[in-house]
Protein backbone atom coordinates (compact mmCIF):
# COMPACT_ATOMS: atom_id res chain seq x y z
CA MET A 1 0.00 0.00 0.00
CA THR A 2 1.36 3.42 -0.95
CA THR A 3 1.00 6.81 0.71
CA SER A 4 -1.36 7.90 -2.05
CA ASP A 5 -3.63 4.98 -1.24
CA LEU A 6 -4.00 6.31 2.30
CA THR A 7 -4.59 9.91 1.34
CA THR A 8 -6.91 9.54 -1.65
CA PRO A 9 -10.43 10.60 -0.55
CA ALA A 10 -13.33 8.28 -1.08
CA ARG A 11 -15.44 8.99 -4.12
CA PRO A 12 -18.62 10.85 -3.24
CA GLY A 13 -21.94 9.14 -3.73
CA ARG A 14 -20.81 5.65 -2.75
CA ARG A 15 -23.01 4.13 -0.04
CA ALA A 16 -23.60 0.77 1.51
CA HIS A 17 -25.98 -1.55 -0.29
CA GLY A 18 -29.59 -0.60 0.43
CA GLY A 19 -29.10 3.18 0.32
CA ALA A 20 -27.31 3.48 -3.03
CA GLU A 21 -30.49 3.76 -5.04
CA HIS A 22 -31.46 6.87 -3.06
CA ALA A 23 -28.09 8.67 -3.26
CA GLY A 24 -28.57 12.30 -4.21
CA THR A 25 -32.35 12.22 -3.78
CA SER A 26 -33.71 14.88 -1.47
CA PRO A 27 -36.98 14.45 0.45
CA PHE A 28 -38.51 17.29 -1.58
CA ARG A 29 -37.55 15.67 -4.86
CA ALA A 30 -39.00 12.35 -3.73
CA TRP A 31 -42.23 14.09 -2.66
CA ALA A 32 -42.45 16.00 -5.94
CA THR A 33 -41.91 12.83 -7.95
CA TRP A 34 -44.70 11.04 -6.06
CA THR A 35 -46.99 14.06 -6.35
CA ALA A 36 -46.49 14.14 -10.11
CA GLY A 37 -48.35 10.85 -10.12
CA PHE A 38 -51.58 12.86 -9.89
CA LEU A 39 -51.46 12.89 -13.69
CA ALA A 40 -52.16 9.15 -13.66
CA PHE A 41 -55.50 9.61 -11.89
CA PRO A 42 -57.41 11.05 -14.89
CA ILE A 43 -55.96 8.30 -17.06
CA ALA A 44 -57.03 5.73 -14.46
CA GLY A 45 -60.52 7.21 -14.35
CA LEU A 46 -60.84 7.13 -18.13
CA ALA A 47 -59.63 3.52 -18.17
CA GLY A 48 -62.14 2.53 -15.50
CA THR A 49 -64.99 4.28 -17.28
CA GLY A 50 -63.92 2.84 -20.62
CA VAL A 51 -64.10 -0.68 -19.24
CA ALA A 52 -67.14 -0.44 -16.97
CA GLY A 53 -69.03 2.72 -17.93
CA ARG A 54 -70.72 5.01 -15.41
CA VAL A 55 -70.66 3.96 -11.77
CA ASP A 56 -74.36 3.13 -11.50
CA SER A 57 -74.34 -0.55 -10.58
CA PRO A 58 -72.34 -3.00 -8.45
CA VAL A 59 -70.64 -4.49 -11.51
CA SER A 60 -69.55 -1.14 -12.93
CA ALA A 61 -68.32 -0.02 -9.50
CA ILE A 62 -66.12 -3.00 -8.76
CA ALA A 63 -64.83 -3.39 -12.32
CA GLY A 64 -64.21 0.30 -12.88
CA GLY A 65 -62.61 0.70 -9.47
CA ALA A 66 -60.31 -2.27 -10.01
CA VAL A 67 -59.13 -1.01 -13.40
CA ALA A 68 -58.56 2.49 -12.05
CA GLY A 69 -56.72 1.04 -9.07
CA LEU A 70 -54.49 -0.98 -11.36
CA VAL A 71 -53.37 2.18 -13.16
CA VAL A 72 -52.99 4.27 -9.98
CA GLY A 73 -51.10 1.50 -8.20
CA ALA A 74 -48.70 1.06 -11.11
CA ALA A 75 -47.99 4.80 -11.27
CA GLN A 76 -47.46 5.06 -7.53
CA ALA A 77 -45.10 2.08 -7.44
CA LEU A 78 -43.15 3.50 -10.36
CA LEU A 79 -42.80 6.94 -8.75
CA SER A 80 -42.06 5.75 -5.21
CA ARG A 81 -38.27 5.75 -5.65
CA ARG A 82 -38.28 1.96 -5.28
CA ARG A 83 -39.78 2.12 -1.81
CA LEU A 84 -42.88 0.16 -2.86
CA ASP A 85 -42.83 -3.36 -4.25
CA PRO A 86 -45.05 -3.31 -7.38
CA ARG A 87 -45.81 -7.01 -6.94
CA ARG A 88 -47.65 -6.14 -3.74
CA TRP A 89 -48.68 -2.51 -4.18
CA ILE A 90 -50.41 -2.79 -7.58
CA PRO A 91 -52.75 -5.70 -6.74
CA ALA A 92 -53.46 -4.22 -3.29
CA THR A 93 -54.49 -0.92 -4.87
CA ALA A 94 -56.59 -2.60 -7.57
CA VAL A 95 -58.44 -4.83 -5.10
CA GLY A 96 -58.80 -2.04 -2.54
CA MET A 97 -60.25 0.41 -5.03
CA GLY A 98 -62.53 -2.15 -6.64
CA ILE A 99 -64.10 -3.37 -3.41
CA GLY A 100 -63.94 0.09 -1.86
CA LEU A 101 -65.80 1.76 -4.72
CA LEU A 102 -68.37 -1.03 -4.69
CA LEU A 103 -68.95 -0.42 -0.98
CA GLY A 104 -68.98 3.36 -1.18
CA ALA A 105 -71.12 3.76 -4.29
CA SER A 106 -73.71 1.21 -3.21
CA VAL A 107 -74.07 2.73 0.27
CA VAL A 108 -74.83 6.19 -1.16
CA GLY A 109 -77.12 4.76 -3.84
CA TYR A 110 -74.75 5.88 -6.63
CA GLY A 111 -75.62 9.48 -5.77
CA THR A 112 -73.47 12.44 -6.85
CA SER A 113 -74.13 15.20 -4.32
CA LEU A 114 -71.18 16.66 -2.42
CA GLY A 115 -72.07 14.73 0.71
CA GLU A 116 -72.68 11.49 -1.16
CA LEU A 117 -69.41 11.65 -3.07
CA ALA A 118 -67.45 12.53 0.06
CA ALA A 119 -69.03 9.56 1.84
CA MET A 120 -68.31 7.33 -1.16
CA GLY A 121 -64.69 8.43 -1.10
CA ALA A 122 -64.38 7.84 2.62
CA LEU A 123 -65.80 4.33 2.31
CA THR A 124 -63.50 3.60 -0.61
CA GLY A 125 -60.60 4.65 1.60
CA VAL A 126 -61.82 2.41 4.42
CA VAL A 127 -61.04 -0.57 2.19
CA LEU A 128 -58.16 0.87 0.17
CA GLY A 129 -56.21 2.16 3.18
CA PRO A 130 -55.72 -1.17 4.98
CA ALA A 131 -55.09 -2.97 1.69
CA GLN A 132 -52.25 -0.61 0.82
CA ALA A 133 -50.98 -0.51 4.41
CA LEU A 134 -50.48 -4.27 4.33
CA ALA A 135 -48.53 -3.88 1.08
CA LEU A 136 -46.07 -1.39 2.56
CA PRO A 137 -42.53 -2.72 3.22
CA ALA A 138 -41.68 -4.27 6.57
CA ARG A 139 -39.57 -1.28 7.64
CA THR A 140 -42.54 1.11 7.40
CA ARG A 141 -43.11 3.17 10.53
CA ARG A 142 -46.66 2.88 11.91
CA ARG A 143 -48.35 1.64 8.76
CA GLU A 144 -51.72 1.98 10.49
CA LEU A 145 -51.47 5.73 9.94
CA TRP A 146 -51.64 5.12 6.18
CA ALA A 147 -54.79 3.06 6.62
CA ALA A 148 -56.31 5.76 8.81
CA ALA A 149 -55.48 8.59 6.39
CA MET A 150 -56.95 7.14 3.19
CA PRO A 151 -60.66 7.59 4.07
CA ALA A 152 -60.09 11.29 4.76
CA LEU A 153 -57.92 11.81 1.67
CA TRP A 154 -60.29 10.00 -0.69
CA ALA A 155 -63.24 11.97 0.70
CA LEU A 156 -61.25 15.16 0.22
CA GLY A 157 -60.38 14.25 -3.36
CA TRP A 158 -64.05 13.85 -4.29
CA ALA A 159 -65.03 17.00 -2.38
CA VAL A 160 -62.42 19.15 -4.16
CA MET A 161 -63.51 17.89 -7.56
CA THR A 162 -67.16 18.59 -6.78
CA LEU A 163 -66.55 22.05 -5.34
CA ILE A 164 -64.69 23.35 -8.39
CA GLY A 165 -67.75 22.66 -10.51
CA VAL A 166 -66.96 19.45 -12.38
CA ASP A 167 -70.08 17.74 -13.74
CA VAL A 168 -69.99 14.86 -11.26
CA GLU A 169 -73.42 13.64 -12.39
CA GLU A 170 -71.51 11.71 -15.03
CA GLN A 171 -70.77 9.22 -12.21
CA PHE A 172 -67.03 9.00 -12.69
CA THR A 173 -64.94 6.11 -11.47
CA LEU A 174 -62.31 8.38 -9.91
CA PHE A 175 -61.85 12.06 -9.16
CA GLY A 176 -59.89 14.14 -11.65
CA VAL A 177 -56.86 16.41 -11.68
CA SER A 178 -57.84 18.77 -8.86
CA GLY A 179 -58.69 16.05 -6.37
CA ALA A 180 -55.81 13.90 -7.55
CA PHE A 181 -53.25 16.63 -6.93
CA THR A 182 -54.61 17.19 -3.42
CA VAL A 183 -54.53 13.50 -2.57
CA SER A 184 -51.11 12.90 -4.13
CA ALA A 185 -49.48 15.86 -2.39
CA ALA A 186 -50.81 14.85 1.02
CA SER A 187 -50.12 11.14 0.62
CA GLY A 188 -46.61 11.89 -0.64
CA ALA A 189 -45.81 13.76 2.56
CA LEU A 190 -47.26 10.92 4.61
CA LEU A 191 -45.30 8.31 2.67
CA HIS A 192 -42.03 10.07 3.40
CA THR A 193 -42.88 10.26 7.09
CA LEU A 194 -43.70 6.56 7.31
CA LEU A 195 -41.18 5.28 4.77
CA PRO A 196 -38.10 7.54 4.46
CA LEU A 197 -35.66 7.16 1.62
CA ASP A 198 -32.85 5.67 3.73
CA GLY A 199 -32.59 1.95 4.36
CA PRO A 200 -33.34 -1.14 2.28
CA VAL A 201 -36.24 -1.00 -0.14
CA ARG A 202 -38.06 -4.22 0.65
């Protein structure tokens, strides 16, 4: 070993296995990347409606919700900075949204008033939240907080969309851009709190 070997500084950016994939990623950048996933929500809604039509029956609710959940889950897994395992997150989101929308829409009689859509969103979150919480990695801090937050966030998403004047009587499968941005921004902050960037992914 030479003197230069002892004095040469380590190359920046090298980390132990498990944190290397997050090198150079700030919490804000990770949050912004996740929040950008709000653009997938309108696509998911269109996909759900294209497959199942208006949410006016149990079949259209569960089928449309599952298709929309498949798209949302895929986008979220892709934009999670490898913190979420797509093999678990995507099916959990699809099943959670399908059963959740079936529950929520049927309870409110497929109504589209502000109160009915907020209730439908909350009930969707009651199913979706625990489904996704179980799909979070083992190192997640207090995953029950994710399950608890989804009813409120999904209700908020539908409320925001309704309040800005969107024609919700079309009985959409999923709220659009305005509600999606609200939900994505809030859930992105929660995800970072429960599942920081450091540490192994799975």
